[in-house]
């Protein structure tokens, strides 16, 4: 893969903060015990792609449970955190012309994000992600992508992309051919228009299959990379987090590696530092990394230093793990100055 070298419109004013691209999924949230995970032989703590029938059987088992619906998907959660912090953005993801799709569209627009892709005209339903949270706050996800896999390169609105400071894509796009092409198209056009490229590795299981692809993307296109400690260990097949951070610093100018309650590592121009986290009593880890990325991207597009942006990201992540679900009902932006000091 090679990035386009021409930049005919790179001087266009960047009036919008972030252009996000991801799998548009309606999250279905449920609290379960460990026996439920074991009985159904689920991959605990990870995201697994399942068919509609499998997900439907799990939902039948949960019919007497209290279920919550949230507009989700990794990149969508990040974009929502940006908007709730006071930032601006467009989100690109494919939904169906069904009830879930309309719920999703309205939910994204309600937080102030541009969401303009027409519903898919192909057969299929809006993608859903069943998020099962156990008492130790670990989340296990069973995802049916639905029409999210129909997201194509032609869906990327270049007129909007070129007005943004950053583009942001999730690694989950790599699971299907057309979304993968949309991801690459966004990265290539970002380079043409002088838009910085941010990418999140998303999940360790993706790195088991696509490590070489992600390394190539990072070297070729990425200005900023997000991942967590386990994902980085997967990428470099090492038990040493510090060793993985050192290796990553050789191929990307800026990266943020979350390390649970310990905070995060920050890479900036091959310099490595650590930014401390915040005390928290986790009840649900889903969305913590997404909120972290949203906080960082808000900071980077609003004049914060890299360290301050990481502090804001750490703070949002610590708040999300203390609630059920992947996003905060609101963000106390008035806490920003005290948090980043």
Protein backbone atom coordinates (compact mmCIF):
# COMPACT_ATOMS: atom_id res chain seq x y z
CA UNK A 1 0.00 0.00 0.00
CA UNK A 2 1.26 3.46 -0.84
CA UNK A 3 -0.21 6.78 0.10
CA UNK A 4 -0.95 9.35 -2.58
CA UNK A 5 1.82 11.92 -2.74
CA UNK A 6 -0.28 14.72 -4.20
CA UNK A 7 -2.05 17.14 -1.89
CA UNK A 8 -4.04 19.49 -4.13
CA UNK A 9 -6.39 20.70 -1.42
CA UNK A 10 -4.30 20.34 1.73
CA UNK A 11 -4.67 24.05 2.51
CA UNK A 12 -8.47 23.88 2.87
CA UNK A 13 -9.45 25.22 6.33
CA UNK A 14 -10.08 22.44 8.83
CA UNK A 15 -13.32 23.58 10.43
CA UNK A 16 -14.43 20.20 11.80
CA UNK A 17 -12.53 18.13 14.36
CA UNK A 18 -12.82 14.45 13.36
CA UNK A 19 -14.19 12.33 10.50
CA UNK A 20 -14.98 8.89 11.96
CA UNK A 21 -15.50 5.65 10.04
CA UNK A 22 -16.63 2.39 11.62
CA UNK A 23 -19.13 -0.45 11.87
CA UNK A 24 -22.48 1.04 12.85
CA UNK A 25 -23.82 -1.39 15.46
CA UNK A 26 -26.70 -1.15 17.88
CA UNK A 27 -25.41 -2.34 21.26
CA UNK A 28 -27.65 -4.62 23.33
CA UNK A 29 -26.37 -4.55 26.91
CA UNK A 30 -26.94 -7.25 29.51
CA UNK A 31 -25.46 -8.18 32.89
CA UNK A 32 -24.76 -11.92 33.22
CA UNK A 33 -22.89 -14.25 35.54
CA UNK A 34 -19.82 -16.28 34.65
CA UNK A 35 -21.89 -19.45 34.21
CA UNK A 36 -23.70 -17.90 31.24
CA UNK A 37 -20.39 -17.27 29.45
CA UNK A 38 -19.11 -20.78 30.21
CA UNK A 39 -22.36 -22.58 29.38
CA UNK A 40 -22.49 -21.02 25.93
CA UNK A 41 -18.75 -21.49 25.31
CA UNK A 42 -18.22 -17.81 24.59
CA UNK A 43 -14.81 -16.23 24.14
CA UNK A 44 -14.66 -14.40 27.45
CA UNK A 45 -13.41 -10.83 27.29
CA UNK A 46 -13.31 -10.65 23.50
CA UNK A 47 -15.50 -9.80 20.52
CA UNK A 48 -16.72 -12.72 18.42
CA UNK A 49 -18.58 -12.53 15.13
CA UNK A 50 -21.71 -14.70 15.21
CA UNK A 51 -24.61 -15.35 12.86
CA UNK A 52 -28.13 -14.07 13.42
CA UNK A 53 -29.36 -17.45 14.65
CA UNK A 54 -26.65 -17.74 17.31
CA UNK A 55 -27.21 -14.22 18.57
CA UNK A 56 -30.97 -14.81 18.56
CA UNK A 57 -30.64 -17.92 20.74
CA UNK A 58 -28.55 -15.97 23.26
CA UNK A 59 -31.17 -13.22 23.34
CA UNK A 60 -33.88 -15.83 23.96
CA UNK A 61 -31.92 -16.98 27.01
CA UNK A 62 -31.92 -13.38 28.20
CA UNK A 63 -35.60 -12.63 27.58
CA UNK A 64 -36.27 -12.22 31.31
CA UNK A 65 -33.26 -9.96 31.77
CA UNK A 66 -33.27 -6.18 31.61
CA UNK A 67 -31.66 -5.21 28.29
CA UNK A 68 -30.49 -1.73 27.30
CA UNK A 69 -30.02 -0.38 23.77
CA UNK A 70 -27.26 2.03 22.83
CA UNK A 71 -26.05 3.44 19.56
CA UNK A 72 -22.59 1.87 19.29
CA UNK A 73 -19.66 0.45 17.45
CA UNK A 74 -16.12 1.32 18.52
CA UNK A 75 -15.53 4.39 16.34
CA UNK A 76 -19.07 5.62 16.99
CA UNK A 77 -18.44 5.54 20.75
CA UNK A 78 -15.28 7.56 20.23
CA UNK A 79 -17.07 10.12 18.07
CA UNK A 80 -19.80 10.46 20.71
CA UNK A 81 -17.15 11.15 23.38
CA UNK A 82 -15.68 13.86 21.15
CA UNK A 83 -19.09 15.46 20.65
CA UNK A 84 -19.97 15.26 24.34
CA UNK A 85 -16.67 16.97 25.15
CA UNK A 86 -17.71 19.85 22.91
CA UNK A 87 -16.05 18.77 19.68
CA UNK A 88 -17.44 18.40 16.18
CA UNK A 89 -17.43 15.55 13.70
CA UNK A 90 -18.96 13.41 10.99
CA UNK A 91 -19.57 9.71 11.43
CA UNK A 92 -19.70 7.27 8.53
CA UNK A 93 -21.31 3.87 9.14
CA UNK A 94 -23.97 1.79 7.37
CA UNK A 95 -27.37 0.94 8.85
CA UNK A 96 -30.46 -0.67 7.33
CA UNK A 97 -33.81 0.94 6.65
CA UNK A 98 -35.31 -0.63 9.77
CA UNK A 99 -36.30 0.40 13.28
CA UNK A 100 -32.81 -0.18 14.68
CA UNK A 101 -31.29 1.83 11.85
CA UNK A 102 -33.57 4.81 12.48
CA UNK A 103 -32.89 4.60 16.23
CA UNK A 104 -29.18 4.66 15.45
CA UNK A 105 -29.40 7.64 13.11
CA UNK A 106 -31.48 9.68 15.52
CA UNK A 107 -29.20 8.83 18.45
CA UNK A 108 -26.07 9.98 16.60
CA UNK A 109 -27.68 13.20 15.41
CA UNK A 110 -28.94 13.93 18.93
CA UNK A 111 -25.37 14.28 20.22
CA UNK A 112 -24.57 16.71 17.41
CA UNK A 113 -22.72 14.50 14.94
CA UNK A 114 -23.21 14.55 11.20
CA UNK A 115 -24.63 11.17 10.10
CA UNK A 116 -25.75 11.40 6.52
CA UNK A 117 -25.25 8.03 4.82
CA UNK A 118 -28.48 6.78 3.31
CA UNK A 119 -29.67 3.44 4.73
CA UNK A 120 -28.45 0.40 2.86
CA UNK A 121 -30.76 -0.75 0.07
CA UNK A 122 -29.38 -4.28 0.23
CA UNK A 123 -31.19 -7.00 2.13
CA UNK A 124 -30.26 -7.40 5.74
CA UNK A 125 -30.67 -5.71 9.10
CA UNK A 126 -28.78 -3.09 11.05
CA UNK A 127 -25.82 -4.72 12.79
CA UNK A 128 -26.11 -5.51 16.48
CA UNK A 129 -23.61 -6.27 19.22
CA UNK A 130 -24.74 -8.24 22.26
CA UNK A 131 -22.54 -7.00 25.12
CA UNK A 132 -22.45 -9.38 28.09
CA UNK A 133 -20.89 -7.96 31.25
CA UNK A 134 -19.87 -10.25 34.13
CA UNK A 135 -19.54 -9.22 37.82
CA UNK A 136 -15.78 -8.58 37.40
CA UNK A 137 -16.61 -5.82 34.86
CA UNK A 138 -15.28 -7.87 31.92
CA UNK A 139 -17.28 -7.63 28.72
CA UNK A 140 -17.84 -10.37 26.16
CA UNK A 141 -19.29 -9.30 22.82
CA UNK A 142 -21.22 -11.33 20.25
CA UNK A 143 -21.60 -9.32 17.07
CA UNK A 144 -23.76 -9.69 13.98
CA UNK A 145 -22.47 -7.15 11.46
CA UNK A 146 -25.58 -7.07 9.28
CA UNK A 147 -25.46 -4.35 6.62
CA UNK A 148 -22.40 -2.75 8.26
CA UNK A 149 -20.41 -4.94 5.86
CA UNK A 150 -21.89 -3.03 2.90
CA UNK A 151 -20.01 0.16 3.81
CA UNK A 152 -17.98 0.95 0.70
CA UNK A 153 -15.28 3.34 -0.46
CA UNK A 154 -17.92 5.27 -2.38
CA UNK A 155 -19.70 6.08 0.90
CA UNK A 156 -16.82 8.29 2.07
CA UNK A 157 -17.87 11.92 1.71
CA UNK A 158 -14.67 13.57 0.51
CA UNK A 159 -16.14 17.08 0.72
CA UNK A 160 -16.62 16.56 4.43
CA UNK A 161 -13.41 14.63 5.00
CA UNK A 162 -11.21 17.41 3.66
CA UNK A 163 -12.68 19.92 6.15
CA UNK A 164 -11.64 17.81 9.16
CA UNK A 165 -8.45 17.96 11.23
CA UNK A 166 -8.35 14.18 11.76
CA UNK A 167 -9.85 11.05 10.32
CA UNK A 168 -10.38 8.14 12.72
CA UNK A 169 -10.95 4.50 11.82
CA UNK A 170 -11.44 1.30 13.80
CA UNK A 171 -9.63 -1.99 13.21
CA UNK A 172 -12.95 -3.83 13.14
CA UNK A 173 -13.43 -2.53 9.58
CA UNK A 174 -10.80 -5.06 8.51
CA UNK A 175 -13.22 -7.97 9.03
CA UNK A 176 -15.05 -7.48 5.71
CA UNK A 177 -13.80 -6.66 2.22
CA UNK A 178 -15.80 -3.52 1.40
CA UNK A 179 -15.35 -1.77 4.79
CA UNK A 180 -11.63 -2.54 4.50
CA UNK A 181 -11.57 -0.71 1.16
CA UNK A 182 -13.48 2.19 2.75
CA UNK A 183 -10.84 2.35 5.48
CA UNK A 184 -7.97 2.51 2.99
CA UNK A 185 -9.82 5.05 0.84
CA UNK A 186 -10.31 7.30 3.86
CA UNK A 187 -6.63 7.05 4.78
CA UNK A 188 -5.43 7.74 1.25
CA UNK A 189 -7.73 10.71 0.76
CA UNK A 190 -6.82 12.04 4.19
CA UNK A 191 -3.21 12.18 3.05
CA UNK A 192 -4.22 14.01 -0.13
CA UNK A 193 -6.17 16.63 1.81
CA UNK A 194 -3.72 17.17 4.66
CA UNK A 195 -5.98 15.44 7.21
CA UNK A 196 -4.15 13.57 9.97
CA UNK A 197 -4.93 9.85 10.19
CA UNK A 198 -5.77 8.15 13.49
CA UNK A 199 -6.36 4.39 13.76
CA UNK A 200 -7.26 2.04 16.60
CA UNK A 201 -6.27 -1.64 16.59
CA UNK A 202 -9.62 -2.40 18.31
CA UNK A 203 -9.14 -5.99 19.54
CA UNK A 204 -6.47 -8.63 20.11
CA UNK A 205 -8.28 -11.18 17.94
CA UNK A 206 -7.83 -8.86 14.95
CA UNK A 207 -4.11 -8.72 15.58
CA UNK A 208 -3.98 -12.51 15.60
CA UNK A 209 -5.16 -12.39 11.96
CA UNK A 210 -4.12 -9.00 10.62
CA UNK A 211 -0.93 -8.04 12.43
CA UNK A 212 1.05 -7.53 9.23
CA UNK A 213 -1.75 -5.47 7.69
CA UNK A 214 -1.98 -3.23 10.75
CA UNK A 215 1.78 -2.75 10.81
CA UNK A 216 1.68 -1.76 7.14
CA UNK A 217 -1.20 0.68 7.75
CA UNK A 218 0.67 2.21 10.66
CA UNK A 219 3.89 2.72 8.70
CA UNK A 220 2.19 3.96 5.53
CA UNK A 221 -0.66 6.16 6.70
CA UNK A 222 -0.98 6.69 10.44
CA UNK A 223 -0.18 9.89 12.31
CA UNK A 224 -1.73 8.56 15.54
CA UNK A 225 -2.33 5.00 16.76
CA UNK A 226 -4.49 3.83 19.67
CA UNK A 227 -4.31 0.42 21.33
CA UNK A 228 -4.29 -1.21 24.74
CA UNK A 229 -1.54 -3.14 26.46
CA UNK A 230 -2.86 -6.58 25.49
CA UNK A 231 -3.26 -5.58 21.83
CA UNK A 232 0.31 -4.33 21.71
CA UNK A 233 1.57 -7.59 23.21
CA UNK A 234 -0.42 -9.45 20.54
CA UNK A 235 1.07 -7.29 17.81
CA UNK A 236 4.69 -7.91 18.76
CA UNK A 237 4.21 -11.36 20.33
CA UNK A 238 5.91 -10.29 23.54
CA UNK A 239 5.09 -10.45 27.24
CA UNK A 240 6.94 -7.18 27.82
CA UNK A 241 4.71 -4.16 27.40
CA UNK A 242 7.70 -1.85 27.53
CA UNK A 243 9.34 -3.75 24.69
CA UNK A 244 6.19 -3.45 22.59
CA UNK A 245 5.98 0.30 23.24
CA UNK A 246 9.59 0.68 22.18
CA UNK A 247 8.96 -1.19 18.93
CA UNK A 248 5.84 0.83 18.14
CA UNK A 249 7.77 4.08 18.69
CA UNK A 250 9.97 3.16 15.72
CA UNK A 251 7.14 3.18 13.17
CA UNK A 252 4.68 5.92 14.22
CA UNK A 253 5.14 9.50 15.40
CA UNK A 254 2.36 9.44 17.98
CA UNK A 255 0.61 6.63 19.84
CA UNK A 256 -1.43 6.11 22.99
CA UNK A 257 -1.35 2.72 24.73
CA UNK A 258 -3.85 2.30 27.55
CA UNK A 259 -2.86 0.17 30.54
CA UNK A 260 -6.09 -0.08 32.57
CA UNK A 261 -6.05 1.78 35.90
CA UNK A 262 -2.35 2.55 35.52
CA UNK A 263 -3.09 5.13 32.83
CA UNK A 264 -1.34 5.07 29.49
CA UNK A 265 1.93 5.20 27.63
CA UNK A 266 2.39 8.06 25.21
CA UNK A 267 4.71 7.99 22.21
CA UNK A 268 5.58 11.33 20.65
CA UNK A 269 8.40 11.63 18.12
CA UNK A 270 10.06 8.47 19.51
CA UNK A 271 9.92 9.84 23.05
CA UNK A 272 8.05 7.57 25.49
CA UNK A 273 6.30 8.77 28.63
CA UNK A 274 3.59 7.57 30.99
CA UNK A 275 0.48 9.47 32.03
CA UNK A 276 -1.18 8.35 35.25
CA UNK A 277 -4.77 7.17 35.42
CA UNK A 278 -7.63 7.97 37.80
CA UNK A 279 -9.08 5.93 40.67
CA UNK A 280 -12.14 3.94 39.62
CA UNK A 281 -14.35 1.09 40.77
CA UNK A 282 -15.09 -0.72 37.50
CA UNK A 283 -18.46 -2.33 36.91
CA UNK A 284 -18.27 -2.55 33.10
CA UNK A 285 -15.20 -2.07 30.89
CA UNK A 286 -17.07 -1.82 27.58
CA UNK A 287 -16.31 1.45 25.80
CA UNK A 288 -13.43 2.50 28.04
CA UNK A 289 -10.86 2.50 25.25
CA UNK A 290 -13.30 4.22 22.90
CA UNK A 291 -13.95 7.01 25.42
CA UNK A 292 -10.20 7.32 25.98
CA UNK A 293 -9.60 7.82 22.24
CA UNK A 294 -12.42 10.37 22.12
CA UNK A 295 -10.90 12.34 24.97
CA UNK A 296 -7.47 12.31 23.35
CA UNK A 297 -8.76 13.36 19.93
CA UNK A 298 -10.79 16.15 21.50
CA UNK A 299 -7.64 17.35 23.23
CA UNK A 300 -5.49 17.15 20.12
CA UNK A 301 -8.02 19.20 18.13
CA UNK A 302 -8.55 21.82 20.86
CA UNK A 303 -5.07 23.01 21.66
CA UNK A 304 -4.14 20.65 24.51
CA UNK A 305 -0.65 19.25 24.76
CA UNK A 306 -0.24 15.54 24.09
CA UNK A 307 0.12 14.89 27.82
CA UNK A 308 -2.99 16.92 28.63
CA UNK A 309 -4.98 15.14 25.91
CA UNK A 310 -3.91 11.80 27.43
CA UNK A 311 -5.05 12.98 30.87
CA UNK A 312 -8.48 13.89 29.50
CA UNK A 313 -8.66 10.52 27.76
CA UNK A 314 -7.69 8.69 30.96
CA UNK A 315 -10.36 10.60 32.86
CA UNK A 316 -13.14 9.75 30.41
CA UNK A 317 -12.08 6.10 30.38
CA UNK A 318 -12.16 5.99 34.19
CA UNK A 319 -15.68 7.44 34.19
CA UNK A 320 -17.07 5.01 31.61
CA UNK A 321 -15.92 1.89 33.49
CA UNK A 322 -18.01 2.99 36.48
CA UNK A 323 -21.31 2.83 34.58
CA UNK A 324 -23.12 0.14 32.64
CA UNK A 325 -22.72 0.70 28.91
CA UNK A 326 -20.17 2.15 26.49
CA UNK A 327 -20.81 5.86 26.89
CA UNK A 328 -21.44 8.49 29.52
CA UNK A 329 -24.88 10.13 29.69
CA UNK A 330 -23.01 13.42 29.58
CA UNK A 331 -19.45 14.69 30.03
CA UNK A 332 -18.62 17.33 32.62
CA UNK A 333 -16.50 19.50 30.34
CA UNK A 334 -16.26 22.04 33.14
CA UNK A 335 -13.91 19.53 34.83
CA UNK A 336 -11.41 19.74 31.97
CA UNK A 337 -9.01 22.29 33.42
CA UNK A 338 -8.79 20.59 36.81
CA UNK A 339 -8.29 17.19 35.16
CA UNK A 340 -5.46 18.18 32.80
CA UNK A 341 -3.39 20.06 35.37
